[in-house]
C-alpha atoms as a PDB file:
ATOM      1  CA  MET A   1       0.000  -0.001  -0.003  1.00  0.00           C
ATOM      2  CA  VAL A   2       1.293   3.438  -0.904  1.00  0.00           C
ATOM      3  CA  THR A   3       2.809   5.458   1.919  1.00  0.00           C
ATOM      4  CA  GLY A   4       4.452   8.821   1.615  1.00  0.00           C
ATOM      5  CA  CYS A   5       5.201  12.004   3.530  1.00  0.00           C
ATOM      6  CA  ASN A   6       1.815  13.655   3.421  1.00  0.00           C
ATOM      7  CA  ASP A   7       0.517  15.196   6.637  1.00  0.00           C
ATOM      8  CA  ASP A   8      -2.586  16.848   5.197  1.00  0.00           C
ATOM      9  CA  ASN A   9      -5.463  14.849   3.739  1.00  0.00           C
ATOM     10  CA  SER A  10      -7.453  18.044   3.292  1.00  0.00           C
ATOM     11  CA  SER A  11     -10.305  18.190   0.834  1.00  0.00           C
ATOM     12  CA  ASN A  12     -11.263  21.282  -1.108  1.00  0.00           C
ATOM     13  CA  ASP A  13     -12.257  24.281   0.946  1.00  0.00           C
ATOM     14  CA  ASN A  14     -15.000  25.531  -1.347  1.00  0.00           C
ATOM     15  CA  ASN A  15     -17.842  24.741   1.085  1.00  0.00           C
ATOM     16  CA  GLY A  16     -19.005  28.285   1.696  1.00  0.00           C
ATOM     17  CA  GLY A  17     -18.983  27.811   5.458  1.00  0.00           C
ATOM     18  CA  GLN A  18     -21.960  25.470   5.369  1.00  0.00           C
ATOM     19  CA  GLN A  19     -22.616  22.957   8.130  1.00  0.00           C
ATOM     20  CA  GLN A  20     -20.886  19.706   7.230  1.00  0.00           C
ATOM     21  CA  THR A  21     -22.512  16.285   7.510  1.00  0.00           C
ATOM     22  CA  THR A  22     -20.957  14.319  10.371  1.00  0.00           C
ATOM     23  CA  THR A  23     -21.818  10.816   9.139  1.00  0.00           C
ATOM     24  CA  GLU A  24     -21.836   8.909   5.871  1.00  0.00           C
ATOM     25  CA  LYS A  25     -23.745   5.754   4.954  1.00  0.00           C
ATOM     26  CA  LEU A  26     -21.996   2.667   3.620  1.00  0.00           C
ATOM     27  CA  THR A  27     -24.137  -0.164   2.226  1.00  0.00           C
ATOM     28  CA  GLY A  28     -23.161  -3.404   0.558  1.00  0.00           C
ATOM     29  CA  THR A  29     -22.879  -7.179   0.667  1.00  0.00           C
ATOM     30  CA  VAL A  30     -20.500  -9.483   2.526  1.00  0.00           C
ATOM     31  CA  ALA A  31     -20.122 -12.735   0.567  1.00  0.00           C
ATOM     32  CA  THR A  32     -17.735 -15.273  -0.870  1.00  0.00           C
ATOM     33  CA  GLY A  33     -20.398 -16.513  -3.248  1.00  0.00           C
ATOM     34  CA  ALA A  34     -22.610 -17.594  -0.415  1.00  0.00           C
ATOM     35  CA  ALA A  35     -23.644 -14.713   1.853  1.00  0.00           C
ATOM     36  CA  LEU A  36     -21.545 -14.413   4.995  1.00  0.00           C
ATOM     37  CA  ALA A  37     -24.692 -14.243   7.121  1.00  0.00           C
ATOM     38  CA  GLY A  38     -24.271 -12.702  10.568  1.00  0.00           C
ATOM     39  CA  ALA A  39     -20.698 -11.586   9.896  1.00  0.00           C
ATOM     40  CA  ASN A  40     -19.426  -8.800  12.106  1.00  0.00           C
ATOM     41  CA  LEU A  41     -18.560  -5.873   9.870  1.00  0.00           C
ATOM     42  CA  GLU A  42     -16.302  -3.185  11.287  1.00  0.00           C
ATOM     43  CA  VAL A  43     -15.416   0.090   9.572  1.00  0.00           C
ATOM     44  CA  VAL A  44     -12.487   2.334  10.506  1.00  0.00           C
ATOM     45  CA  ASN A  45     -12.112   5.854   9.132  1.00  0.00           C
ATOM     46  CA  LYS A  46      -8.883   7.765   8.553  1.00  0.00           C
ATOM     47  CA  ASN A  47      -9.020   9.146  12.095  1.00  0.00           C
ATOM     48  CA  GLY A  48      -9.233   5.707  13.731  1.00  0.00           C
ATOM     49  CA  THR A  49     -12.916   5.924  14.666  1.00  0.00           C
ATOM     50  CA  THR A  50     -14.609   2.534  14.280  1.00  0.00           C
ATOM     51  CA  LYS A  51     -18.177   1.334  14.070  1.00  0.00           C
ATOM     52  CA  SER A  52     -19.614  -2.135  13.569  1.00  0.00           C
ATOM     53  CA  VAL A  53     -22.788  -3.848  12.455  1.00  0.00           C
ATOM     54  CA  LEU A  54     -23.910  -7.422  11.786  1.00  0.00           C
ATOM     55  CA  ALA A  55     -24.583  -8.471   8.190  1.00  0.00           C
ATOM     56  CA  GLY A  56     -28.036  -9.849   7.542  1.00  0.00           C
ATOM     57  CA  ALA A  57     -28.950 -13.370   6.462  1.00  0.00           C
ATOM     58  CA  ASP A  58     -28.405 -12.241   2.857  1.00  0.00           C
ATOM     59  CA  GLY A  59     -25.031 -10.703   3.645  1.00  0.00           C
ATOM     60  CA  LYS A  60     -26.418  -7.176   3.237  1.00  0.00           C
ATOM     61  CA  PHE A  61     -25.416  -4.367   5.601  1.00  0.00           C
ATOM     62  CA  SER A  62     -26.079  -0.682   6.099  1.00  0.00           C
ATOM     63  CA  ILE A  63     -24.013   1.412   8.491  1.00  0.00           C
ATOM     64  CA  ASP A  64     -23.700   5.115   9.311  1.00  0.00           C
ATOM     65  CA  VAL A  65     -20.056   5.912  10.013  1.00  0.00           C
ATOM     66  CA  GLU A  66     -18.375   9.051  11.298  1.00  0.00           C
ATOM     67  CA  LYS A  67     -17.322  11.016   8.244  1.00  0.00           C
ATOM     68  CA  GLY A  68     -13.625  10.549   7.555  1.00  0.00           C
ATOM     69  CA  ALA A  69     -12.865   8.865   4.230  1.00  0.00           C
ATOM     70  CA  PRO A  70     -11.083   6.815   3.161  1.00  0.00           C
ATOM     71  CA  TYR A  71     -12.507   3.843   5.044  1.00  0.00           C
ATOM     72  CA  LEU A  72     -11.202   0.337   5.555  1.00  0.00           C
ATOM     73  CA  LEU A  73     -13.700  -2.468   6.239  1.00  0.00           C
ATOM     74  CA  LYS A  74     -13.209  -5.815   7.945  1.00  0.00           C
ATOM     75  CA  ALA A  75     -15.767  -8.609   8.092  1.00  0.00           C
ATOM     76  CA  THR A  76     -15.276 -11.630  10.373  1.00  0.00           C
ATOM     77  CA  LYS A  77     -17.284 -14.764  11.055  1.00  0.00           C
ATOM     78  CA  GLY A  78     -16.417 -17.830  13.090  1.00  0.00           C
ATOM     79  CA  THR A  79     -13.509 -18.540  15.400  1.00  0.00           C
ATOM     80  CA  GLY A  80     -10.146 -20.312  15.315  1.00  0.00           C
ATOM     81  CA  GLU A  81      -9.116 -22.051  12.125  1.00  0.00           C
ATOM     82  CA  SER A  82     -12.624 -21.843  10.705  1.00  0.00           C
ATOM     83  CA  GLN A  83     -12.765 -18.054  10.986  1.00  0.00           C
ATOM     84  CA  VAL A  84     -13.345 -16.137   7.754  1.00  0.00           C
ATOM     85  CA  THR A  85     -11.899 -12.622   7.553  1.00  0.00           C
ATOM     86  CA  LEU A  86     -12.515 -10.371   4.562  1.00  0.00           C
ATOM     87  CA  TYR A  87     -11.442  -6.789   3.883  1.00  0.00           C
ATOM     88  CA  SER A  88     -12.615  -3.960   1.650  1.00  0.00           C
ATOM     89  CA  TYR A  89     -12.108  -0.271   0.982  1.00  0.00           C
ATOM     90  CA  ALA A  90     -14.350   2.728   0.386  1.00  0.00           C
ATOM     91  CA  SER A  91     -13.201   6.170  -0.785  1.00  0.00           C
ATOM     92  CA  ALA A  92     -16.601   7.712  -0.029  1.00  0.00           C
ATOM     93  CA  ALA A  93     -20.187   6.941   0.963  1.00  0.00           C
ATOM     94  CA  GLY A  94     -22.134   4.463  -1.166  1.00  0.00           C
ATOM     95  CA  ASN A  95     -22.057   0.806  -2.024  1.00  0.00           C
ATOM     96  CA  VAL A  96     -19.021  -1.246  -1.033  1.00  0.00           C
ATOM     97  CA  ASN A  97     -18.643  -4.998  -1.447  1.00  0.00           C
ATOM     98  CA  VAL A  98     -16.717  -7.124   1.023  1.00  0.00           C
ATOM     99  CA  THR A  99     -15.538 -10.307  -0.695  1.00  0.00           C
ATOM    100  CA  GLN A 100     -12.493 -12.473  -1.297  1.00  0.00           C
ATOM    101  CA  LEU A 101     -11.871 -10.394  -4.445  1.00  0.00           C
ATOM    102  CA  THR A 102     -11.800  -7.048  -2.594  1.00  0.00           C
ATOM    103  CA  THR A 103      -9.539  -8.696  -0.019  1.00  0.00           C
ATOM    104  CA  GLN A 104      -7.211  -9.899  -2.755  1.00  0.00           C
ATOM    105  CA  ALA A 105      -7.108  -6.395  -4.290  1.00  0.00           C
ATOM    106  CA  ILE A 106      -6.026  -4.817  -1.013  1.00  0.00           C
ATOM    107  CA  LEU A 107      -3.380  -7.518  -0.578  1.00  0.00           C
ATOM    108  CA  ALA A 108      -2.075  -6.778  -4.082  1.00  0.00           C
ATOM    109  CA  ALA A 109      -2.158  -3.020  -3.476  1.00  0.00           C
ATOM    110  CA  ASN A 110       0.235  -3.610  -0.593  1.00  0.00           C
ATOM    111  CA  LYS A 111       2.898  -4.621  -3.098  1.00  0.00           C
ATOM    112  CA  ALA A 112       5.588  -1.947  -3.340  1.00  0.00           C
ATOM    113  CA  ASP A 113       8.546  -1.350  -5.646  1.00  0.00           C
ATOM    114  CA  GLU A 114      10.981  -0.180  -2.959  1.00  0.00           C
ATOM    115  CA  THR A 115       9.693  -0.395   0.606  1.00  0.00           C
ATOM    116  CA  ARG A 116       6.569  -1.731   2.327  1.00  0.00           C
ATOM    117  CA  ASP A 117       5.557  -0.837   5.854  1.00  0.00           C
ATOM    118  CA  TYR A 118       3.026  -3.607   6.498  1.00  0.00           C
ATOM    119  CA  ASN A 119       3.268  -7.326   5.831  1.00  0.00           C
ATOM    120  CA  SER A 120      -0.328  -8.485   6.248  1.00  0.00           C
ATOM    121  CA  LEU A 121      -3.896  -7.308   5.902  1.00  0.00           C
ATOM    122  CA  ALA A 122      -4.266  -7.381   9.686  1.00  0.00           C
ATOM    123  CA  GLU A 123      -1.325  -4.955   9.978  1.00  0.00           C
ATOM    124  CA  ILE A 124      -2.823  -2.652   7.359  1.00  0.00           C
ATOM    125  CA  TYR A 125      -6.133  -2.571   9.236  1.00  0.00           C
ATOM    126  CA  THR A 126      -4.492  -2.008  12.623  1.00  0.00           C
ATOM    127  CA  ASN A 127      -2.325   0.815  11.234  1.00  0.00           C
ATOM    128  CA  TRP A 128      -4.951   2.424   9.003  1.00  0.00           C
ATOM    129  CA  VAL A 129      -4.623   5.835  10.647  1.00  0.00           C
ATOM    130  CA  GLN A 130      -0.883   5.970  10.031  1.00  0.00           C
ATOM    131  CA  LEU A 131      -1.256   4.692   6.454  1.00  0.00           C
ATOM    132  CA  ALA A 132      -4.049   7.163   5.628  1.00  0.00           C
ATOM    133  CA  LYS A 133      -2.027  10.012   7.109  1.00  0.00           C
ATOM    134  CA  GLY A 134       1.144   9.040   5.259  1.00  0.00           C
ATOM    135  CA  SER A 135      -0.571   8.959   1.831  1.00  0.00           C
ATOM    136  CA  THR A 136      -3.017  11.170  -0.002  1.00  0.00           C
ATOM    137  CA  THR A 137      -6.472   9.757  -0.654  1.00  0.00           C
ATOM    138  CA  ASP A 138      -5.711   9.954  -4.361  1.00  0.00           C
ATOM    139  CA  GLU A 139      -2.598   7.821  -3.973  1.00  0.00           C
ATOM    140  CA  ILE A 140      -4.555   5.184  -2.072  1.00  0.00           C
ATOM    141  CA  ASN A 141      -7.427   5.295  -4.565  1.00  0.00           C
ATOM    142  CA  ALA A 142      -4.993   4.839  -7.468  1.00  0.00           C
ATOM    143  CA  ALA A 143      -3.359   1.828  -5.816  1.00  0.00           C
ATOM    144  CA  ILE A 144      -6.723   0.241  -5.029  1.00  0.00           C
ATOM    145  CA  ASP A 145      -8.137   0.922  -8.511  1.00  0.00           C
ATOM    146  CA  LYS A 146      -5.071  -0.608 -10.122  1.00  0.00           C
ATOM    147  CA  ALA A 147      -5.293  -3.702  -7.924  1.00  0.00           C
ATOM    148  CA  ALA A 148      -9.036  -4.047  -8.607  1.00  0.00           C
ATOM    149  CA  LYS A 149      -8.399  -4.042 -12.353  1.00  0.00           C
ATOM    150  CA  GLU A 150      -5.675  -6.661 -11.867  1.00  0.00           C
ATOM    151  CA  VAL A 151      -8.224  -8.912 -10.150  1.00  0.00           C
ATOM    152  CA  VAL A 152     -10.558  -8.624 -13.156  1.00  0.00           C
ATOM    153  CA  ALA A 153      -7.684  -9.161 -15.601  1.00  0.00           C
ATOM    154  CA  ASN A 154      -6.557 -12.295 -13.779  1.00  0.00           C
ATOM    155  CA  LEU A 155     -10.094 -13.698 -13.775  1.00  0.00           C
ATOM    156  CA  LYS A 156     -11.156 -12.302 -17.150  1.00  0.00           C
ATOM    157  CA  THR A 157     -12.283 -15.649 -18.545  1.00  0.00           C
ATOM    158  CA  VAL A 158     -14.349 -16.334 -15.428  1.00  0.00           C
ATOM    159  CA  PHE A 159     -16.070 -12.951 -15.700  1.00  0.00           C
ATOM    160  CA  GLU A 160     -16.736 -13.494 -19.395  1.00  0.00           C
ATOM    161  CA  ALA A 161     -18.204 -16.935 -18.726  1.00  0.00           C
ATOM    162  CA  ASN A 162     -20.701 -15.229 -16.456  1.00  0.00           C
ATOM    163  CA  GLY A 163     -22.033 -12.584 -18.809  1.00  0.00           C
ATOM    164  CA  PHE A 164     -19.447  -9.791 -18.641  1.00  0.00           C
ATOM    165  CA  SER A 165     -17.465  -8.696 -21.705  1.00  0.00           C
ATOM    166  CA  ALA A 166     -15.198  -6.030 -23.139  1.00  0.00           C
ATOM    167  CA  THR A 167     -18.249  -4.617 -24.921  1.00  0.00           C
ATOM    168  CA  THR A 168     -20.578  -4.327 -21.938  1.00  0.00           C
ATOM    169  CA  GLY A 169     -17.794  -3.771 -19.438  1.00  0.00           C
ATOM    170  CA  TYR A 170     -16.567  -5.580 -16.341  1.00  0.00           C
ATOM    171  CA  PRO A 171     -17.835  -4.858 -12.819  1.00  0.00           C
ATOM    172  CA  ASN A 172     -16.012  -2.755 -10.273  1.00  0.00           C
ATOM    173  CA  ILE A 173     -15.380  -5.405  -7.626  1.00  0.00           C
ATOM    174  CA  PHE A 174     -15.646  -2.811  -4.851  1.00  0.00           C
ATOM    175  CA  LYS A 175     -18.598  -0.699  -6.004  1.00  0.00           C
ATOM    176  CA  THR A 176     -20.864  -2.749  -8.265  1.00  0.00           C
ATOM    177  CA  ALA A 177     -23.870  -3.753  -6.142  1.00  0.00           C
ATOM    178  CA  PHE A 178     -24.857  -7.426  -6.219  1.00  0.00           C
ATOM    179  CA  THR A 179     -26.983  -9.987  -4.421  1.00  0.00           C
ATOM    180  CA  ALA A 180     -25.663 -13.343  -3.161  1.00  0.00           C
ATOM    181  CA  ASN A 181     -27.854 -15.386  -5.495  1.00  0.00           C
ATOM    182  CA  SER A 182     -25.274 -17.170  -7.732  1.00  0.00           C
ATOM    183  CA  THR A 183     -25.765 -14.831 -10.696  1.00  0.00           C
ATOM    184  CA  GLY A 184     -23.504 -12.170 -12.226  1.00  0.00           C
ATOM    185  CA  LEU A 185     -20.700 -11.023  -9.926  1.00  0.00           C
ATOM    186  CA  ASP A 186     -21.820 -13.471  -7.231  1.00  0.00           C
ATOM    187  CA  LYS A 187     -21.447 -16.388  -9.667  1.00  0.00           C
ATOM    188  CA  VAL A 188     -17.835 -15.318 -10.182  1.00  0.00           C
ATOM    189  CA  LEU A 189     -17.363 -15.422  -6.396  1.00  0.00           C
ATOM    190  CA  ASP A 190     -18.862 -18.921  -6.339  1.00  0.00           C
ATOM    191  CA  GLN A 191     -16.172 -20.110  -8.770  1.00  0.00           C
ATOM    192  CA  VAL A 192     -13.125 -18.485  -7.113  1.00  0.00           C
ATOM    193  CA  GLN A 193     -11.625 -19.792  -3.878  1.00  0.00           C
ATOM    194  CA  ILE A 194      -8.754 -17.930  -2.282  1.00  0.00           C
ATOM    195  CA  ASN A 195      -7.062 -19.407   0.787  1.00  0.00           C
ATOM    196  CA  GLY A 196      -4.390 -17.798   2.935  1.00  0.00           C
ATOM    197  CA  LEU A 197      -5.338 -14.165   2.314  1.00  0.00           C
ATOM    198  CA  ASN A 198      -4.512 -13.314   5.894  1.00  0.00           C
ATOM    199  CA  SER A 199      -0.986 -14.728   5.711  1.00  0.00           C
ATOM    200  CA  VAL A 200       2.204 -12.663   6.077  1.00  0.00           C
ATOM    201  CA  CYS A 201       3.755 -11.462   2.795  1.00  0.00           C
ATOM    202  CA  THR A 202       7.450 -11.001   2.024  1.00  0.00           C
ATOM    203  CA  GLY A 203       9.583  -9.286  -0.580  1.00  0.00           C
ATOM    204  CA  ILE A 204       9.093  -6.162  -2.665  1.00  0.00           C
ATOM    205  CA  GLY A 205       8.475  -5.476  -6.337  1.00  0.00           C
ATOM    206  CA  SER A 206       8.954  -8.581  -8.478  1.00  0.00           C
ATOM    207  CA  THR A 207       9.903 -10.627  -5.376  1.00  0.00           C
ATOM    208  CA  TYR A 208       6.618  -9.818  -3.551  1.00  0.00           C
ATOM    209  CA  THR A 209       5.007 -13.072  -2.481  1.00  0.00           C
ATOM    210  CA  CYS A 210       2.265 -14.198  -0.155  1.00  0.00           C
ATOM    211  CA  ASN A 211       1.372 -17.718   0.942  1.00  0.00           C
ATOM    212  CA  VAL A 212      -1.957 -17.616  -0.848  1.00  0.00           C
ATOM    213  CA  GLN A 213      -3.565 -20.462  -2.793  1.00  0.00           C
ATOM    214  CA  TYR A 214      -5.997 -19.809  -5.648  1.00  0.00           C
ATOM    215  CA  VAL A 215      -8.557 -22.297  -6.945  1.00  0.00           C
ATOM    216  CA  VAL A 216     -10.769 -21.453  -9.928  1.00  0.00           C
ATOM    217  CA  ASN A 217     -13.589 -23.815 -10.891  1.00  0.00           C
ATOM    218  CA  GLY A 218     -11.986 -26.505  -8.726  1.00  0.00           C
ATOM    219  CA  GLN A 219      -8.536 -26.232 -10.330  1.00  0.00           C
ATOM    220  CA  PRO A 220      -5.333 -24.633  -8.916  1.00  0.00           C
ATOM    221  CA  PHE A 221      -4.772 -21.212 -10.431  1.00  0.00           C
ATOM    222  CA  GLN A 222      -1.569 -19.183 -10.796  1.00  0.00           C
ATOM    223  CA  TRP A 223      -2.143 -15.537  -9.881  1.00  0.00           C
ATOM    224  CA  ASN A 224      -0.254 -12.956 -11.932  1.00  0.00           C
ATOM    225  CA  TYR A 225       0.628  -9.917  -9.804  1.00  0.00           C
ATOM    226  CA  SER A 226       1.946  -8.127 -12.912  1.00  0.00           C
ATOM    227  CA  VAL A 227      -0.992  -8.826 -15.239  1.00  0.00           C
ATOM    228  CA  ASN A 228      -1.663  -6.327 -18.050  1.00  0.00           C
ATOM    229  CA  THR A 229      -4.866  -4.304 -17.518  1.00  0.00           C
ATOM    230  CA  THR A 230      -4.695  -2.176 -20.673  1.00  0.00           C
ATOM    231  CA  GLY A 231      -8.095  -1.663 -22.283  1.00  0.00           C
ATOM    232  CA  LEU A 232     -10.199  -2.995 -19.430  1.00  0.00           C
ATOM    233  CA  ASN A 233     -13.528  -1.190 -19.319  1.00  0.00           C
ATOM    234  CA  ILE A 234     -14.819  -1.150 -15.741  1.00  0.00           C
ATOM    235  CA  VAL A 235     -18.525  -0.333 -15.384  1.00  0.00           C
ATOM    236  CA  VAL A 236     -20.297   0.772 -12.209  1.00  0.00           C
ATOM    237  CA  ASP A 237     -24.112   0.495 -11.978  1.00  0.00           C
ATOM    238  CA  LEU A 238     -25.431   3.030  -9.451  1.00  0.00           C
ATOM    239  CA  SER A 239     -29.151   2.286  -9.964  1.00  0.00           C
ATOM    240  CA  ASN A 240     -29.399   0.469  -6.610  1.00  0.00           C
ATOM    241  CA  ASN A 241     -27.362   2.987  -4.643  1.00  0.00           C
ATOM    242  CA  PRO A 242     -29.683   4.889  -2.245  1.00  0.00           C
ATOM    243  CA  ASN A 243     -27.105   7.689  -1.916  1.00  0.00           C
ATOM    244  CA  ILE A 244     -27.163   8.587  -5.601  1.00  0.00           C
ATOM    245  CA  PRO A 245     -30.197   9.463  -7.759  1.00  0.00           C
ATOM    246  CA  SER A 246     -30.798   6.993 -10.575  1.00  0.00           C
ATOM    247  CA  GLY A 247     -31.330   7.994 -14.186  1.00  0.00           C
ATOM    248  CA  ASN A 248     -31.636   6.778 -17.734  1.00  0.00           C
ATOM    249  CA  TYR A 249     -28.140   7.503 -18.954  1.00  0.00           C
ATOM    250  CA  ASN A 250     -24.749   5.825 -18.938  1.00  0.00           C
ATOM    251  CA  LEU A 251     -21.812   8.097 -18.189  1.00  0.00           C
ATOM    252  CA  LYS A 252     -18.261   7.544 -19.361  1.00  0.00           C
ATOM    253  CA  VAL A 253     -15.788   9.609 -17.340  1.00  0.00           C
ATOM    254  CA  THR A 254     -12.264  10.017 -18.732  1.00  0.00           C
ATOM    255  CA  THR A 255      -9.771  11.666 -16.433  1.00  0.00           C
ATOM    256  CA  SER A 256      -6.483  12.878 -17.855  1.00  0.00           C
ATOM    257  CA  VAL A 257      -3.636  13.981 -15.616  1.00  0.00           C
ATOM    258  CA  MET A 258      -0.747  15.723 -17.375  1.00  0.00           C
ATOM    259  CA  GLY A 259      -1.747  13.961 -20.601  1.00  0.00           C
ATOM    260  CA  GLN A 260      -2.200  10.460 -19.115  1.00  0.00           C
ATOM    261  CA  GLY A 261      -5.815   9.250 -19.004  1.00  0.00           C
ATOM    262  CA  ALA A 262      -8.081   6.533 -17.636  1.00  0.00           C
ATOM    263  CA  SER A 263     -11.811   5.886 -18.118  1.00  0.00           C
ATOM    264  CA  VAL A 264     -14.669   4.403 -16.155  1.00  0.00           C
ATOM    265  CA  THR A 265     -18.294   3.913 -17.205  1.00  0.00           C
ATOM    266  CA  ILE A 266     -21.125   4.538 -14.724  1.00  0.00           C
ATOM    267  CA  ASN A 267     -24.561   3.172 -15.592  1.00  0.00           C
ATOM    268  CA  ASN A 268     -28.015   4.536 -14.792  1.00  0.00           C
ATOM    269  CA  VAL A 269     -27.263   8.124 -13.783  1.00  0.00           C
ATOM    270  CA  PRO A 270     -29.231  11.306 -14.450  1.00  0.00           C
ATOM    271  CA  LYS A 271     -28.026  13.767 -17.090  1.00  0.00           C
ATOM    272  CA  PRO A 272     -27.742  17.519 -16.366  1.00  0.00           C
ATOM    273  CA  THR A 273     -30.266  19.565 -18.300  1.00  0.00           C
ATOM    274  CA  ASN A 274     -27.930  22.423 -19.164  1.00  0.00           C
ATOM    275  CA  GLN A 275     -24.370  23.769 -18.776  1.00  0.00           C
ATOM    276  CA  SER A 276     -25.182  25.686 -15.609  1.00  0.00           C
ATOM    277  CA  GLU A 277     -26.468  22.560 -13.892  1.00  0.00           C
ATOM    278  CA  PHE A 278     -23.517  20.488 -15.155  1.00  0.00           C
ATOM    279  CA  CYS A 279     -20.813  22.940 -14.058  1.00  0.00           C
ATOM    280  CA  GLY A 280     -22.445  23.514 -10.670  1.00  0.00           C
ATOM    281  CA  SER A 281     -22.911  19.834  -9.810  1.00  0.00           C
ATOM    282  CA  ASN A 282     -21.124  18.381  -6.785  1.00  0.00           C
ATOM    283  CA  ASP A 283     -21.056  15.052  -8.656  1.00  0.00           C
ATOM    284  CA  VAL A 284     -18.919  16.723 -11.332  1.00  0.00           C
ATOM    285  CA  THR A 285     -16.388  18.309  -8.976  1.00  0.00           C
ATOM    286  CA  ALA A 286     -16.233  15.036  -7.016  1.00  0.00           C
ATOM    287  CA  GLN A 287     -14.278  13.608  -9.978  1.00  0.00           C
ATOM    288  CA  LEU A 288     -11.472  15.995  -9.154  1.00  0.00           C
ATOM    289  CA  PRO A 289      -8.885  14.863  -6.566  1.00  0.00           C
ATOM    290  CA  GLN A 290      -8.776  16.084  -3.012  1.00  0.00           C
ATOM    291  CA  GLY A 291      -6.908  19.304  -2.446  1.00  0.00           C
ATOM    292  CA  GLN A 292      -7.496  22.940  -3.261  1.00  0.00           C
ATOM    293  CA  PHE A 293      -8.661  23.118  -6.851  1.00  0.00           C
ATOM    294  CA  LYS A 294      -9.453  25.854  -9.347  1.00  0.00           C
ATOM    295  CA  ILE A 295     -11.744  25.153 -12.279  1.00  0.00           C
ATOM    296  CA  ASN A 296     -10.221  26.885 -15.291  1.00  0.00           C
ATOM    297  CA  SER A 297     -12.984  26.047 -17.754  1.00  0.00           C
ATOM    298  CA  CYS A 298     -16.235  24.099 -17.891  1.00  0.00           C
ATOM    299  CA  SER A 299     -18.523  23.366 -20.842  1.00  0.00           C
ATOM    300  CA  PHE A 300     -21.489  21.122 -21.609  1.00  0.00           C
ATOM    301  CA  ASN A 301     -23.292  20.712 -24.964  1.00  0.00           C
ATOM    302  CA  GLY A 302     -26.128  18.491 -23.791  1.00  0.00           C
ATOM    303  CA  SER A 303     -24.323  15.165 -24.078  1.00  0.00           C
ATOM    304  CA  VAL A 304     -20.602  15.861 -23.539  1.00  0.00           C
ATOM    305  CA  GLY A 305     -19.061  17.915 -20.757  1.00  0.00           C
ATOM    306  CA  ASN A 306     -15.463  18.993 -20.277  1.00  0.00           C
ATOM    307  CA  ILE A 307     -13.686  20.395 -17.246  1.00  0.00           C
ATOM    308  CA  ASN A 308     -10.130  21.685 -17.006  1.00  0.00           C
ATOM    309  CA  ALA A 309      -8.881  22.264 -13.464  1.00  0.00           C
ATOM    310  CA  THR A 310      -5.670  22.977 -11.599  1.00  0.00           C
ATOM    311  CA  VAL A 311      -5.251  21.093  -8.344  1.00  0.00           C
ATOM    312  CA  ASN A 312      -2.802  22.079  -5.617  1.00  0.00           C
ATOM    313  CA  ALA A 313      -1.885  19.263  -3.251  1.00  0.00           C
ATOM    314  CA  ASN A 314       1.248  18.476  -1.282  1.00  0.00           C
ATOM    315  CA  GLY A 315       2.996  21.522  -2.697  1.00  0.00           C
ATOM    316  CA  TYR A 316       2.440  20.539  -6.325  1.00  0.00           C
ATOM    317  CA  SER A 317       0.230  22.079  -8.992  1.00  0.00           C
ATOM    318  CA  VAL A 318      -1.287  19.518 -11.365  1.00  0.00           C
ATOM    319  CA  THR A 319      -3.544  19.999 -14.384  1.00  0.00           C
ATOM    320  CA  TYR A 320      -6.600  17.745 -14.698  1.00  0.00           C
ATOM    321  CA  ASP A 321      -8.894  17.343 -17.676  1.00  0.00           C
ATOM    322  CA  VAL A 322     -12.133  15.421 -17.162  1.00  0.00           C
ATOM    323  CA  LYS A 323     -14.473  14.477 -20.013  1.00  0.00           C
ATOM    324  CA  TYR A 324     -18.055  13.336 -19.313  1.00  0.00           C
ATOM    325  CA  GLU A 325     -19.928  11.523 -22.106  1.00  0.00           C
ATOM    326  CA  TYR A 326     -23.609  10.762 -21.555  1.00  0.00           C
ATOM    327  CA  SER A 327     -25.448   8.169 -23.667  1.00  0.00           C
ATOM    328  CA  ALA A 328     -28.919   6.669 -23.363  1.00  0.00           C
ATOM    329  CA  ALA A 329     -28.983   3.557 -21.151  1.00  0.00           C
END
């Protein structure tokens, strides 16, 4: 997991002095294919404040946590050798899945090219305050997003066997809402067994290794920690997210930083009616990274919006271009 020398995880200060919400709601499903019914789900925010709730019989949970993203989640069920422990991550309020795939992604994000401060998921969870303080939210998000794409790339054939494709897009393993009913994303979970996720890892870079065993469709599987993710189209469906209004459009967001870009498609969102509504939307500025930002230009022609912004964070000034393309769902 990325760590650096940052001592200020400040967000933008353009709030106009308004009263700030003190809690945020996280909802989601705890499952490994089958729902992890009755699992104890604990959430820790960047300040170390924790809150817990029990997952329902269907693995679903809803919890109001003290505002302080990013959040790390831990779900446990059972005791001793039979105990199941899963981890997940949320950069903001909304849906967050807790599965063996999100756990694997966090484990992979802990890989580092030069140094690594923590050797297990348990250490990452215990030291979340220090890790969140030592890195910007954007650095953590980038590491998690990269690791999530690597999970999909490793299991691409499994996803495609269960209805996903390059054309329709692959699910975001953290954010795409699902039900533990052996269809879609849950069917993928049914077919992937990962043992030893809570083991201690050693090495850095190309020598990074963890005592983890992977079984896909009943057969041993070799995980590639350096798998190519070029061209993967990750799609997030927000139609079942109570925190976000649903709509009849799919939105492709392409973010370019100093000329380097990445895209994500978000299904079932509303479309702004005009340029004023688009440029004034909190959902639009939320695509910009944390820090003090200045919007240099904003335009919207009814289906495509463009924002150019300068973001100041950690003493650096970085130019961001974000393109929003709306199409009928």
